[in-house]
Amino acid sequence: MSITIKDVANEAGVSIATVSKVINNRPSISEATRQHVLQVMEHLNYRPNAQASNFARKRSENIIFLAVTEAHTPYHNPHMFEILCGAQSKIREKKYNFSFIGSPNKEIAYKEVEEIIGRKAADGLLIHGSTTSRPLASLLTNTGFPHVIIGRPPFSNTTCWIDINNHVSGEMATKHLNNCGYSKIAFIGGPADDEISRHRLKAFVSSMNINGFSVPDSFIKYGTYSKASGFAMMEEILRGDHLPDAVICEYNQIAMGAVSAIKKRGLSIPEDIGVITFDDYPLSQLIDPPLTVVDIDVHEMGRYAASILLKKIKNPALQIQSFAILPSLIVRSSTRNQKTI
């Protein structure tokens, strides 16, 4: 028969309440009593029921990471799992349980958050930007439930969120290409309504104008995050009257298609056309030539998001909305060497 808290109290000659205070590390008992009870617990091989203890304290000691998932999500969105791993490494340090819930769409994600809050199934939520909706943001704000959204919601809100500074990413890619001597630069991205593409494109056009270079409308293309789309967009640009001398690709798959189109045209990378993309996925190093990338440490982003959430669990009034993680440049052979002055 398993040892109970009552058995520990009887053996130690104290009340059940005193044993409970020791288990929950309450400060209202003497250190001598605490050590005595701990020794009895060790002697009896008593292991407290953490779930029951947490219930009594109205805490779950659980943090949930919520995201919209579908078939091939790890392939199409590897960032999500790097963020998750970073968050898990931070949460593990604080001895919390860490759970993952994948929802098929935003509507179901909302219902799941509603249930989590109602059942008190977690102390806090890390919410991937893929699940964000106005109803979800309102639910989090109205309940005051501890949360951090990873990715700025594309609408006015008072939720707690962090994001990558995609404007700086676009500037960094443009500056590197300009420093390498490229001045006729194209941009091929995802859908026109994609928030990340929009910020990077805006920064690219702004940086080009500041440096005295124009960007023809024909040099900007929107598509999907696929190799086929990258190939089609690059081919369309290369059929135009004016050829670019470099191209910024929004995604590795797009870059793969663009490289294929450039080679099909008989052009050389990086001499005739330089290629730069974002995010250092393994794919970026397997393409020939290996791609120069503007990279984000999304593992660290996950750790940072978890760190904020842990603080918010202790202080629900804490409010943070910030662009937290800055990019870095990894130069490879798909761009020329920078000009020396």
C-alpha atoms as a PDB file:
ATOM      1  CA  MET A   1       0.000   0.000   0.000  1.00  0.00           C
ATOM      2  CA  SER A   2       1.362   3.441  -0.920  1.00  0.00           C
ATOM      3  CA  ILE A   3       2.500   5.867   1.749  1.00  0.00           C
ATOM      4  CA  THR A   4       0.164   8.819   2.322  1.00  0.00           C
ATOM      5  CA  ILE A   5       0.651  12.302   3.764  1.00  0.00           C
ATOM      6  CA  LYS A   6      -1.187  11.055   6.871  1.00  0.00           C
ATOM      7  CA  ASP A   7       1.431   8.319   7.352  1.00  0.00           C
ATOM      8  CA  VAL A   8       4.194  10.938   7.169  1.00  0.00           C
ATOM      9  CA  ALA A   9       2.420  13.145   9.723  1.00  0.00           C
ATOM     10  CA  ASN A  10       1.966  10.226  12.140  1.00  0.00           C
ATOM     11  CA  GLU A  11       5.584   9.104  11.836  1.00  0.00           C
ATOM     12  CA  ALA A  12       6.923  12.644  12.272  1.00  0.00           C
ATOM     13  CA  GLY A  13       4.564  13.452  15.128  1.00  0.00           C
ATOM     14  CA  VAL A  14       3.187  16.562  13.398  1.00  0.00           C
ATOM     15  CA  SER A  15      -0.086  17.548  11.792  1.00  0.00           C
ATOM     16  CA  ILE A  16      -1.031  16.899   8.174  1.00  0.00           C
ATOM     17  CA  ALA A  17      -1.086  20.692   7.712  1.00  0.00           C
ATOM     18  CA  THR A  18       2.562  20.900   8.781  1.00  0.00           C
ATOM     19  CA  VAL A  19       3.582  18.219   6.274  1.00  0.00           C
ATOM     20  CA  SER A  20       1.644  20.094   3.592  1.00  0.00           C
ATOM     21  CA  LYS A  21       3.535  23.297   4.428  1.00  0.00           C
ATOM     22  CA  VAL A  22       6.846  21.464   4.047  1.00  0.00           C
ATOM     23  CA  ILE A  23       5.778  20.000   0.701  1.00  0.00           C
ATOM     24  CA  ASN A  24       4.695  23.414  -0.577  1.00  0.00           C
ATOM     25  CA  ASN A  25       7.755  25.167   0.885  1.00  0.00           C
ATOM     26  CA  ARG A  26       5.726  27.503   3.077  1.00  0.00           C
ATOM     27  CA  PRO A  27       7.804  29.791   5.355  1.00  0.00           C
ATOM     28  CA  SER A  28       5.581  29.561   8.461  1.00  0.00           C
ATOM     29  CA  ILE A  29       7.370  26.604  10.133  1.00  0.00           C
ATOM     30  CA  SER A  30      10.801  26.309  11.716  1.00  0.00           C
ATOM     31  CA  GLU A  31      13.786  24.990   9.794  1.00  0.00           C
ATOM     32  CA  ALA A  32      14.223  22.202  12.385  1.00  0.00           C
ATOM     33  CA  THR A  33      10.659  20.982  11.806  1.00  0.00           C
ATOM     34  CA  ARG A  34      11.117  21.204   8.062  1.00  0.00           C
ATOM     35  CA  GLN A  35      14.278  19.086   8.122  1.00  0.00           C
ATOM     36  CA  HIS A  36      12.665  16.540  10.458  1.00  0.00           C
ATOM     37  CA  VAL A  37       9.645  16.113   8.159  1.00  0.00           C
ATOM     38  CA  LEU A  38      11.894  15.848   5.090  1.00  0.00           C
ATOM     39  CA  GLN A  39      13.917  13.116   6.776  1.00  0.00           C
ATOM     40  CA  VAL A  40      10.739  11.180   7.577  1.00  0.00           C
ATOM     41  CA  MET A  41       9.537  11.562   3.985  1.00  0.00           C
ATOM     42  CA  GLU A  42      12.868  10.210   2.767  1.00  0.00           C
ATOM     43  CA  HIS A  43      12.797   7.323   5.265  1.00  0.00           C
ATOM     44  CA  LEU A  44       9.269   6.333   4.207  1.00  0.00           C
ATOM     45  CA  ASN A  45      10.098   6.903   0.517  1.00  0.00           C
ATOM     46  CA  TYR A  46       7.127   9.246   0.300  1.00  0.00           C
ATOM     47  CA  ARG A  47       6.712  11.144  -2.958  1.00  0.00           C
ATOM     48  CA  PRO A  48       4.141  13.978  -2.881  1.00  0.00           C
ATOM     49  CA  ASN A  49       1.421  13.965  -5.484  1.00  0.00           C
ATOM     50  CA  ALA A  50       2.468  16.990  -7.491  1.00  0.00           C
ATOM     51  CA  GLN A  51      -0.834  17.194  -9.335  1.00  0.00           C
ATOM     52  CA  ALA A  52      -2.830  17.267  -6.094  1.00  0.00           C
ATOM     53  CA  SER A  53      -0.453  19.788  -4.575  1.00  0.00           C
ATOM     54  CA  ASN A  54      -0.758  22.051  -7.593  1.00  0.00           C
ATOM     55  CA  PHE A  55      -4.537  21.736  -7.503  1.00  0.00           C
ATOM     56  CA  ALA A  56      -4.563  22.862  -3.878  1.00  0.00           C
ATOM     57  CA  ARG A  57      -2.495  25.880  -4.824  1.00  0.00           C
ATOM     58  CA  LYS A  58      -4.725  26.473  -7.862  1.00  0.00           C
ATOM     59  CA  ARG A  59      -1.750  25.994 -10.162  1.00  0.00           C
ATOM     60  CA  SER A  60      -1.129  23.388 -12.833  1.00  0.00           C
ATOM     61  CA  GLU A  61       2.664  23.821 -13.182  1.00  0.00           C
ATOM     62  CA  ASN A  62       1.950  23.377 -16.885  1.00  0.00           C
ATOM     63  CA  ILE A  63       2.652  25.662 -19.841  1.00  0.00           C
ATOM     64  CA  ILE A  64       1.056  25.009 -23.216  1.00  0.00           C
ATOM     65  CA  PHE A  65       2.451  25.902 -26.644  1.00  0.00           C
ATOM     66  CA  LEU A  66      -0.404  26.329 -29.140  1.00  0.00           C
ATOM     67  CA  ALA A  67      -0.061  26.417 -32.919  1.00  0.00           C
ATOM     68  CA  VAL A  68      -2.044  25.684 -36.056  1.00  0.00           C
ATOM     69  CA  THR A  69      -0.636  22.535 -37.650  1.00  0.00           C
ATOM     70  CA  GLU A  70      -1.419  20.611 -40.796  1.00  0.00           C
ATOM     71  CA  ALA A  71       0.220  18.048 -43.061  1.00  0.00           C
ATOM     72  CA  HIS A  72       3.915  18.769 -43.733  1.00  0.00           C
ATOM     73  CA  THR A  73       4.049  21.605 -41.183  1.00  0.00           C
ATOM     74  CA  PRO A  74       7.667  20.742 -40.183  1.00  0.00           C
ATOM     75  CA  TYR A  75       8.653  21.081 -43.851  1.00  0.00           C
ATOM     76  CA  HIS A  76       6.766  24.299 -44.591  1.00  0.00           C
ATOM     77  CA  ASN A  77       7.324  25.979 -41.229  1.00  0.00           C
ATOM     78  CA  PRO A  78      10.483  24.645 -39.516  1.00  0.00           C
ATOM     79  CA  HIS A  79      10.692  27.896 -37.530  1.00  0.00           C
ATOM     80  CA  MET A  80       7.764  26.771 -35.386  1.00  0.00           C
ATOM     81  CA  PHE A  81       9.628  23.784 -34.007  1.00  0.00           C
ATOM     82  CA  GLU A  82      12.876  25.680 -33.439  1.00  0.00           C
ATOM     83  CA  ILE A  83      10.855  28.218 -31.430  1.00  0.00           C
ATOM     84  CA  LEU A  84       9.169  25.384 -29.528  1.00  0.00           C
ATOM     85  CA  CYS A  85      12.541  23.783 -28.684  1.00  0.00           C
ATOM     86  CA  GLY A  86      13.921  27.088 -27.456  1.00  0.00           C
ATOM     87  CA  ALA A  87      10.867  27.670 -25.270  1.00  0.00           C
ATOM     88  CA  GLN A  88      11.035  24.142 -23.876  1.00  0.00           C
ATOM     89  CA  SER A  89      14.694  24.543 -22.883  1.00  0.00           C
ATOM     90  CA  LYS A  90      13.848  27.633 -20.821  1.00  0.00           C
ATOM     91  CA  ILE A  91      10.705  26.178 -19.248  1.00  0.00           C
ATOM     92  CA  ARG A  92      12.533  22.986 -18.264  1.00  0.00           C
ATOM     93  CA  GLU A  93      14.960  25.091 -16.212  1.00  0.00           C
ATOM     94  CA  LYS A  94      12.026  26.253 -14.079  1.00  0.00           C
ATOM     95  CA  LYS A  95      10.648  22.710 -13.594  1.00  0.00           C
ATOM     96  CA  TYR A  96       7.378  23.362 -15.433  1.00  0.00           C
ATOM     97  CA  ASN A  97       5.640  20.752 -17.524  1.00  0.00           C
ATOM     98  CA  PHE A  98       5.479  21.699 -21.188  1.00  0.00           C
ATOM     99  CA  SER A  99       2.690  20.609 -23.540  1.00  0.00           C
ATOM    100  CA  PHE A 100       2.087  21.135 -27.236  1.00  0.00           C
ATOM    101  CA  ILE A 101      -1.346  21.450 -28.836  1.00  0.00           C
ATOM    102  CA  GLY A 102      -1.688  21.544 -32.607  1.00  0.00           C
ATOM    103  CA  SER A 103      -4.990  22.885 -33.913  1.00  0.00           C
ATOM    104  CA  PRO A 104      -6.250  22.411 -37.478  1.00  0.00           C
ATOM    105  CA  ASN A 105      -7.419  26.047 -37.755  1.00  0.00           C
ATOM    106  CA  LYS A 106      -7.827  29.319 -35.860  1.00  0.00           C
ATOM    107  CA  GLU A 107     -11.451  28.685 -34.932  1.00  0.00           C
ATOM    108  CA  ILE A 108     -10.636  25.444 -33.132  1.00  0.00           C
ATOM    109  CA  ALA A 109      -7.560  27.074 -31.567  1.00  0.00           C
ATOM    110  CA  TYR A 110      -9.875  29.685 -30.030  1.00  0.00           C
ATOM    111  CA  LYS A 111     -12.126  26.989 -28.552  1.00  0.00           C
ATOM    112  CA  GLU A 112      -9.125  25.145 -27.139  1.00  0.00           C
ATOM    113  CA  VAL A 113      -7.822  28.292 -25.436  1.00  0.00           C
ATOM    114  CA  GLU A 114     -11.294  28.937 -24.052  1.00  0.00           C
ATOM    115  CA  GLU A 115     -11.315  25.425 -22.575  1.00  0.00           C
ATOM    116  CA  ILE A 116      -7.753  25.688 -21.211  1.00  0.00           C
ATOM    117  CA  ILE A 117      -8.625  28.900 -19.383  1.00  0.00           C
ATOM    118  CA  GLY A 118     -11.943  27.532 -18.139  1.00  0.00           C
ATOM    119  CA  ARG A 119     -10.430  24.306 -16.774  1.00  0.00           C
ATOM    120  CA  LYS A 120      -7.261  26.032 -15.546  1.00  0.00           C
ATOM    121  CA  ALA A 121      -5.350  23.386 -17.450  1.00  0.00           C
ATOM    122  CA  ALA A 122      -2.252  25.602 -17.694  1.00  0.00           C
ATOM    123  CA  ASP A 123      -0.607  28.484 -15.878  1.00  0.00           C
ATOM    124  CA  GLY A 124       0.285  30.194 -19.136  1.00  0.00           C
ATOM    125  CA  LEU A 125       0.147  29.985 -22.923  1.00  0.00           C
ATOM    126  CA  LEU A 126       2.763  30.440 -25.620  1.00  0.00           C
ATOM    127  CA  ILE A 127       0.791  31.135 -28.779  1.00  0.00           C
ATOM    128  CA  HIS A 128       2.331  30.801 -32.221  1.00  0.00           C
ATOM    129  CA  GLY A 129       1.303  33.556 -34.613  1.00  0.00           C
ATOM    130  CA  SER A 130      -0.428  31.006 -36.850  1.00  0.00           C
ATOM    131  CA  THR A 131      -3.291  30.766 -34.330  1.00  0.00           C
ATOM    132  CA  THR A 132      -3.827  34.488 -33.792  1.00  0.00           C
ATOM    133  CA  SER A 133      -7.257  35.962 -34.472  1.00  0.00           C
ATOM    134  CA  ARG A 134      -9.231  38.943 -33.201  1.00  0.00           C
ATOM    135  CA  PRO A 135     -11.546  36.742 -31.074  1.00  0.00           C
ATOM    136  CA  LEU A 136      -8.533  34.999 -29.514  1.00  0.00           C
ATOM    137  CA  ALA A 137      -6.819  38.310 -28.744  1.00  0.00           C
ATOM    138  CA  SER A 138     -10.017  39.598 -27.123  1.00  0.00           C
ATOM    139  CA  LEU A 139     -10.349  36.417 -25.037  1.00  0.00           C
ATOM    140  CA  LEU A 140      -6.792  36.729 -23.732  1.00  0.00           C
ATOM    141  CA  THR A 141      -7.207  40.420 -22.968  1.00  0.00           C
ATOM    142  CA  ASN A 142     -10.593  40.083 -21.276  1.00  0.00           C
ATOM    143  CA  THR A 143      -9.559  37.150 -19.058  1.00  0.00           C
ATOM    144  CA  GLY A 144      -6.091  38.481 -18.236  1.00  0.00           C
ATOM    145  CA  PHE A 145      -4.735  34.953 -18.716  1.00  0.00           C
ATOM    146  CA  PRO A 146      -0.892  34.877 -18.826  1.00  0.00           C
ATOM    147  CA  HIS A 147       0.225  34.568 -22.441  1.00  0.00           C
ATOM    148  CA  VAL A 148       2.832  35.564 -25.002  1.00  0.00           C
ATOM    149  CA  ILE A 149       1.998  35.600 -28.717  1.00  0.00           C
ATOM    150  CA  ILE A 150       5.035  34.823 -30.872  1.00  0.00           C
ATOM    151  CA  GLY A 151       4.541  37.067 -33.875  1.00  0.00           C
ATOM    152  CA  ARG A 152       2.894  40.471 -33.847  1.00  0.00           C
ATOM    153  CA  PRO A 153      -0.856  40.209 -34.537  1.00  0.00           C
ATOM    154  CA  PRO A 154      -1.700  42.047 -37.778  1.00  0.00           C
ATOM    155  CA  PHE A 155      -4.331  44.228 -36.089  1.00  0.00           C
ATOM    156  CA  SER A 156      -4.565  46.674 -33.194  1.00  0.00           C
ATOM    157  CA  ASN A 157      -4.545  44.794 -29.885  1.00  0.00           C
ATOM    158  CA  THR A 158      -3.473  44.880 -26.240  1.00  0.00           C
ATOM    159  CA  THR A 159      -2.115  41.332 -26.040  1.00  0.00           C
ATOM    160  CA  CYS A 160       1.427  40.503 -24.962  1.00  0.00           C
ATOM    161  CA  TRP A 161       3.567  39.705 -28.016  1.00  0.00           C
ATOM    162  CA  ILE A 162       7.140  39.577 -29.336  1.00  0.00           C
ATOM    163  CA  ASP A 163       8.303  39.463 -32.927  1.00  0.00           C
ATOM    164  CA  ILE A 164      11.284  39.493 -35.246  1.00  0.00           C
ATOM    165  CA  ASN A 165      12.198  42.874 -36.713  1.00  0.00           C
ATOM    166  CA  ASN A 166      11.508  41.993 -40.341  1.00  0.00           C
ATOM    167  CA  HIS A 167      12.075  45.597 -41.427  1.00  0.00           C
ATOM    168  CA  VAL A 168      15.703  45.344 -40.264  1.00  0.00           C
ATOM    169  CA  SER A 169      15.995  41.991 -42.087  1.00  0.00           C
ATOM    170  CA  GLY A 170      14.955  43.628 -45.362  1.00  0.00           C
ATOM    171  CA  GLU A 171      17.364  46.508 -44.827  1.00  0.00           C
ATOM    172  CA  MET A 172      20.221  44.134 -44.055  1.00  0.00           C
ATOM    173  CA  ALA A 173      19.680  42.081 -47.222  1.00  0.00           C
ATOM    174  CA  THR A 174      19.543  45.218 -49.379  1.00  0.00           C
ATOM    175  CA  LYS A 175      22.607  46.803 -47.773  1.00  0.00           C
ATOM    176  CA  HIS A 176      24.667  43.661 -48.307  1.00  0.00           C
ATOM    177  CA  LEU A 177      23.740  43.451 -51.985  1.00  0.00           C
ATOM    178  CA  ASN A 178      24.490  47.155 -52.518  1.00  0.00           C
ATOM    179  CA  ASN A 179      27.855  46.729 -50.782  1.00  0.00           C
ATOM    180  CA  CYS A 180      28.605  43.864 -53.173  1.00  0.00           C
ATOM    181  CA  GLY A 181      28.021  46.172 -56.150  1.00  0.00           C
ATOM    182  CA  TYR A 182      24.488  45.115 -57.061  1.00  0.00           C
ATOM    183  CA  SER A 183      22.121  47.965 -57.913  1.00  0.00           C
ATOM    184  CA  LYS A 184      19.349  46.419 -60.059  1.00  0.00           C
ATOM    185  CA  ILE A 185      17.702  44.221 -57.469  1.00  0.00           C
ATOM    186  CA  ALA A 186      14.458  42.248 -57.727  1.00  0.00           C
ATOM    187  CA  PHE A 187      12.296  40.948 -54.863  1.00  0.00           C
ATOM    188  CA  ILE A 188      10.242  37.758 -55.067  1.00  0.00           C
ATOM    189  CA  GLY A 189       8.099  36.867 -52.088  1.00  0.00           C
ATOM    190  CA  GLY A 190       5.083  35.104 -50.730  1.00  0.00           C
ATOM    191  CA  PRO A 191       1.453  36.254 -50.988  1.00  0.00           C
ATOM    192  CA  ALA A 192       0.897  40.013 -51.203  1.00  0.00           C
ATOM    193  CA  ASP A 193      -1.021  39.981 -47.907  1.00  0.00           C
ATOM    194  CA  ASP A 194       1.731  38.177 -45.989  1.00  0.00           C
ATOM    195  CA  GLU A 195       2.830  40.372 -43.079  1.00  0.00           C
ATOM    196  CA  ILE A 196       6.468  39.245 -43.113  1.00  0.00           C
ATOM    197  CA  SER A 197       6.893  39.723 -46.865  1.00  0.00           C
ATOM    198  CA  ARG A 198       5.269  43.139 -46.688  1.00  0.00           C
ATOM    199  CA  HIS A 199       7.653  44.431 -44.012  1.00  0.00           C
ATOM    200  CA  ARG A 200      10.759  43.079 -45.758  1.00  0.00           C
ATOM    201  CA  LEU A 201       9.656  44.427 -49.133  1.00  0.00           C
ATOM    202  CA  LYS A 202       8.922  47.871 -47.698  1.00  0.00           C
ATOM    203  CA  ALA A 203      12.385  47.991 -46.105  1.00  0.00           C
ATOM    204  CA  PHE A 204      13.996  46.853 -49.382  1.00  0.00           C
ATOM    205  CA  VAL A 205      12.304  49.545 -51.485  1.00  0.00           C
ATOM    206  CA  SER A 206      13.021  52.230 -48.888  1.00  0.00           C
ATOM    207  CA  SER A 207      16.707  51.281 -48.646  1.00  0.00           C
ATOM    208  CA  MET A 208      17.088  51.230 -52.431  1.00  0.00           C
ATOM    209  CA  ASN A 209      15.541  54.696 -52.735  1.00  0.00           C
ATOM    210  CA  ILE A 210      17.750  56.098 -49.974  1.00  0.00           C
ATOM    211  CA  ASN A 211      20.802  54.802 -51.841  1.00  0.00           C
ATOM    212  CA  GLY A 212      19.619  56.391 -55.086  1.00  0.00           C
ATOM    213  CA  PHE A 213      18.428  53.203 -56.826  1.00  0.00           C
ATOM    214  CA  SER A 214      14.987  52.681 -58.314  1.00  0.00           C
ATOM    215  CA  VAL A 215      12.942  49.476 -58.185  1.00  0.00           C
ATOM    216  CA  PRO A 216      10.743  48.895 -61.280  1.00  0.00           C
ATOM    217  CA  ASP A 217       7.334  47.366 -60.614  1.00  0.00           C
ATOM    218  CA  SER A 218       8.342  44.456 -62.856  1.00  0.00           C
ATOM    219  CA  PHE A 219      11.091  43.571 -60.354  1.00  0.00           C
ATOM    220  CA  ILE A 220       8.585  42.824 -57.574  1.00  0.00           C
ATOM    221  CA  LYS A 221       6.645  39.562 -57.696  1.00  0.00           C
ATOM    222  CA  TYR A 222       4.254  37.806 -55.325  1.00  0.00           C
ATOM    223  CA  GLY A 223       3.631  34.077 -55.244  1.00  0.00           C
ATOM    224  CA  THR A 224       3.560  31.148 -52.860  1.00  0.00           C
ATOM    225  CA  TYR A 225       6.250  29.661 -50.627  1.00  0.00           C
ATOM    226  CA  SER A 226       7.217  26.943 -53.097  1.00  0.00           C
ATOM    227  CA  LYS A 227      10.013  26.061 -55.498  1.00  0.00           C
ATOM    228  CA  ALA A 228       7.587  26.098 -58.449  1.00  0.00           C
ATOM    229  CA  SER A 229       6.421  29.606 -57.572  1.00  0.00           C
ATOM    230  CA  GLY A 230      10.003  30.844 -57.165  1.00  0.00           C
ATOM    231  CA  PHE A 231      10.892  29.401 -60.568  1.00  0.00           C
ATOM    232  CA  ALA A 232       7.839  30.994 -62.246  1.00  0.00           C
ATOM    233  CA  MET A 233       8.416  34.421 -60.665  1.00  0.00           C
ATOM    234  CA  MET A 234      12.115  34.461 -61.592  1.00  0.00           C
ATOM    235  CA  GLU A 235      11.396  33.319 -65.144  1.00  0.00           C
ATOM    236  CA  GLU A 236       8.854  36.120 -65.560  1.00  0.00           C
ATOM    237  CA  ILE A 237      11.404  38.697 -64.430  1.00  0.00           C
ATOM    238  CA  LEU A 238      14.085  37.285 -66.733  1.00  0.00           C
ATOM    239  CA  ARG A 239      11.720  37.528 -69.717  1.00  0.00           C
ATOM    240  CA  GLY A 240      11.416  41.274 -69.146  1.00  0.00           C
ATOM    241  CA  ASP A 241      13.181  44.051 -71.061  1.00  0.00           C
ATOM    242  CA  HIS A 242      15.529  44.799 -68.153  1.00  0.00           C
ATOM    243  CA  LEU A 243      17.403  42.142 -66.235  1.00  0.00           C
ATOM    244  CA  PRO A 244      18.210  42.414 -62.529  1.00  0.00           C
ATOM    245  CA  ASP A 245      21.726  41.857 -61.254  1.00  0.00           C
ATOM    246  CA  ALA A 246      20.487  40.399 -57.938  1.00  0.00           C
ATOM    247  CA  VAL A 247      17.348  38.998 -56.371  1.00  0.00           C
ATOM    248  CA  ILE A 248      16.080  38.867 -52.801  1.00  0.00           C
ATOM    249  CA  CYS A 249      14.075  35.691 -52.186  1.00  0.00           C
ATOM    250  CA  GLU A 250      11.615  35.613 -49.308  1.00  0.00           C
ATOM    251  CA  TYR A 251      11.992  31.908 -48.556  1.00  0.00           C
ATOM    252  CA  ASN A 252      14.433  29.054 -49.179  1.00  0.00           C
ATOM    253  CA  GLN A 253      12.003  27.157 -51.420  1.00  0.00           C
ATOM    254  CA  ILE A 254      11.444  30.316 -53.479  1.00  0.00           C
ATOM    255  CA  ALA A 255      15.225  30.745 -53.733  1.00  0.00           C
ATOM    256  CA  MET A 256      15.628  27.164 -54.948  1.00  0.00           C
ATOM    257  CA  GLY A 257      13.198  27.829 -57.776  1.00  0.00           C
ATOM    258  CA  ALA A 258      14.843  31.169 -58.590  1.00  0.00           C
ATOM    259  CA  VAL A 259      18.293  29.541 -58.816  1.00  0.00           C
ATOM    260  CA  SER A 260      16.899  26.923 -61.224  1.00  0.00           C
ATOM    261  CA  ALA A 261      15.402  29.649 -63.445  1.00  0.00           C
ATOM    262  CA  ILE A 262      18.647  31.646 -63.468  1.00  0.00           C
ATOM    263  CA  LYS A 263      20.694  28.574 -64.433  1.00  0.00           C
ATOM    264  CA  LYS A 264      18.167  27.633 -67.125  1.00  0.00           C
ATOM    265  CA  ARG A 265      18.744  31.063 -68.640  1.00  0.00           C
ATOM    266  CA  GLY A 266      22.495  30.323 -68.758  1.00  0.00           C
ATOM    267  CA  LEU A 267      23.377  33.032 -66.237  1.00  0.00           C
ATOM    268  CA  SER A 268      26.040  32.674 -63.572  1.00  0.00           C
ATOM    269  CA  ILE A 269      25.561  33.072 -59.807  1.00  0.00           C
ATOM    270  CA  PRO A 270      26.895  35.342 -58.307  1.00  0.00           C
ATOM    271  CA  GLU A 271      28.652  37.044 -61.248  1.00  0.00           C
ATOM    272  CA  ASP A 272      25.569  37.764 -63.393  1.00  0.00           C
ATOM    273  CA  ILE A 273      22.930  37.621 -60.655  1.00  0.00           C
ATOM    274  CA  GLY A 274      23.411  37.527 -56.907  1.00  0.00           C
ATOM    275  CA  VAL A 275      20.927  35.641 -54.741  1.00  0.00           C
ATOM    276  CA  ILE A 276      20.103  36.227 -51.072  1.00  0.00           C
ATOM    277  CA  THR A 277      17.371  34.729 -48.943  1.00  0.00           C
ATOM    278  CA  PHE A 278      16.177  34.654 -45.332  1.00  0.00           C
ATOM    279  CA  ASP A 279      16.581  32.054 -42.587  1.00  0.00           C
ATOM    280  CA  ASP A 280      19.384  29.542 -42.449  1.00  0.00           C
ATOM    281  CA  TYR A 281      17.464  26.331 -43.038  1.00  0.00           C
ATOM    282  CA  PRO A 282      19.597  23.302 -44.004  1.00  0.00           C
ATOM    283  CA  LEU A 283      18.234  23.761 -47.528  1.00  0.00           C
ATOM    284  CA  SER A 284      20.050  27.096 -47.936  1.00  0.00           C
ATOM    285  CA  GLN A 285      23.409  25.307 -47.688  1.00  0.00           C
ATOM    286  CA  LEU A 286      22.442  22.447 -50.031  1.00  0.00           C
ATOM    287  CA  ILE A 287      21.549  24.683 -52.982  1.00  0.00           C
ATOM    288  CA  ASP A 288      24.365  25.195 -55.518  1.00  0.00           C
ATOM    289  CA  PRO A 289      25.861  27.674 -54.849  1.00  0.00           C
ATOM    290  CA  PRO A 290      25.161  27.810 -51.086  1.00  0.00           C
ATOM    291  CA  LEU A 291      23.003  30.823 -50.320  1.00  0.00           C
ATOM    292  CA  THR A 292      23.847  33.991 -48.475  1.00  0.00           C
ATOM    293  CA  VAL A 293      21.120  34.448 -45.850  1.00  0.00           C
ATOM    294  CA  VAL A 294      19.807  36.965 -43.357  1.00  0.00           C
ATOM    295  CA  ASP A 295      19.236  34.704 -40.391  1.00  0.00           C
ATOM    296  CA  ILE A 296      17.176  34.864 -37.199  1.00  0.00           C
ATOM    297  CA  ASP A 297      18.026  32.828 -34.095  1.00  0.00           C
ATOM    298  CA  VAL A 298      14.479  31.548 -33.587  1.00  0.00           C
ATOM    299  CA  HIS A 299      15.646  29.093 -30.915  1.00  0.00           C
ATOM    300  CA  GLU A 300      16.664  32.094 -28.816  1.00  0.00           C
ATOM    301  CA  MET A 301      13.358  33.724 -29.692  1.00  0.00           C
ATOM    302  CA  GLY A 302      11.559  30.751 -28.140  1.00  0.00           C
ATOM    303  CA  ARG A 303      13.653  31.040 -24.985  1.00  0.00           C
ATOM    304  CA  TYR A 304      12.936  34.757 -24.763  1.00  0.00           C
ATOM    305  CA  ALA A 305       9.192  34.225 -25.206  1.00  0.00           C
ATOM    306  CA  ALA A 306       9.201  31.592 -22.443  1.00  0.00           C
ATOM    307  CA  SER A 307      11.190  33.897 -20.154  1.00  0.00           C
ATOM    308  CA  ILE A 308       8.604  36.657 -20.574  1.00  0.00           C
ATOM    309  CA  LEU A 309       5.742  34.227 -19.964  1.00  0.00           C
ATOM    310  CA  LEU A 310       7.294  32.978 -16.722  1.00  0.00           C
ATOM    311  CA  LYS A 311       7.530  36.583 -15.537  1.00  0.00           C
ATOM    312  CA  LYS A 312       3.962  37.224 -16.617  1.00  0.00           C
ATOM    313  CA  ILE A 313       2.707  34.201 -14.642  1.00  0.00           C
ATOM    314  CA  LYS A 314       4.167  35.835 -11.528  1.00  0.00           C
ATOM    315  CA  ASN A 315       2.944  39.279 -12.543  1.00  0.00           C
ATOM    316  CA  PRO A 316      -0.114  39.095 -14.858  1.00  0.00           C
ATOM    317  CA  ALA A 317      -0.122  42.908 -15.178  1.00  0.00           C
ATOM    318  CA  LEU A 318       3.218  42.791 -17.037  1.00  0.00           C
ATOM    319  CA  GLN A 319       2.697  44.081 -20.579  1.00  0.00           C
ATOM    320  CA  ILE A 320       5.255  43.628 -23.344  1.00  0.00           C
ATOM    321  CA  GLN A 321       4.922  44.360 -27.043  1.00  0.00           C
ATOM    322  CA  SER A 322       8.320  44.384 -28.700  1.00  0.00           C
ATOM    323  CA  PHE A 323      10.467  43.424 -31.654  1.00  0.00           C
ATOM    324  CA  ALA A 324      12.872  41.314 -29.676  1.00  0.00           C
ATOM    325  CA  ILE A 325      15.247  39.444 -31.947  1.00  0.00           C
ATOM    326  CA  LEU A 326      17.638  41.084 -34.420  1.00  0.00           C
ATOM    327  CA  PRO A 327      18.921  39.299 -37.555  1.00  0.00           C
ATOM    328  CA  SER A 328      22.478  38.412 -38.537  1.00  0.00           C
ATOM    329  CA  LEU A 329      24.090  38.054 -41.959  1.00  0.00           C
ATOM    330  CA  ILE A 330      25.659  34.757 -43.102  1.00  0.00           C
ATOM    331  CA  VAL A 331      27.663  35.333 -46.288  1.00  0.00           C
ATOM    332  CA  ARG A 332      28.134  32.441 -48.706  1.00  0.00           C
ATOM    333  CA  SER A 333      28.973  32.135 -52.384  1.00  0.00           C
ATOM    334  CA  SER A 334      25.637  33.196 -53.925  1.00  0.00           C
ATOM    335  CA  THR A 335      26.698  36.856 -53.639  1.00  0.00           C
ATOM    336  CA  ARG A 336      29.888  38.605 -54.745  1.00  0.00           C
ATOM    337  CA  ASN A 337      32.544  39.747 -52.324  1.00  0.00           C
ATOM    338  CA  GLN A 338      31.821  43.137 -50.838  1.00  0.00           C
ATOM    339  CA  LYS A 339      33.459  46.106 -52.530  1.00  0.00           C
ATOM    340  CA  THR A 340      36.570  47.487 -50.872  1.00  0.00           C
ATOM    341  CA  ILE A 341      36.686  51.273 -50.450  1.00  0.00           C
END
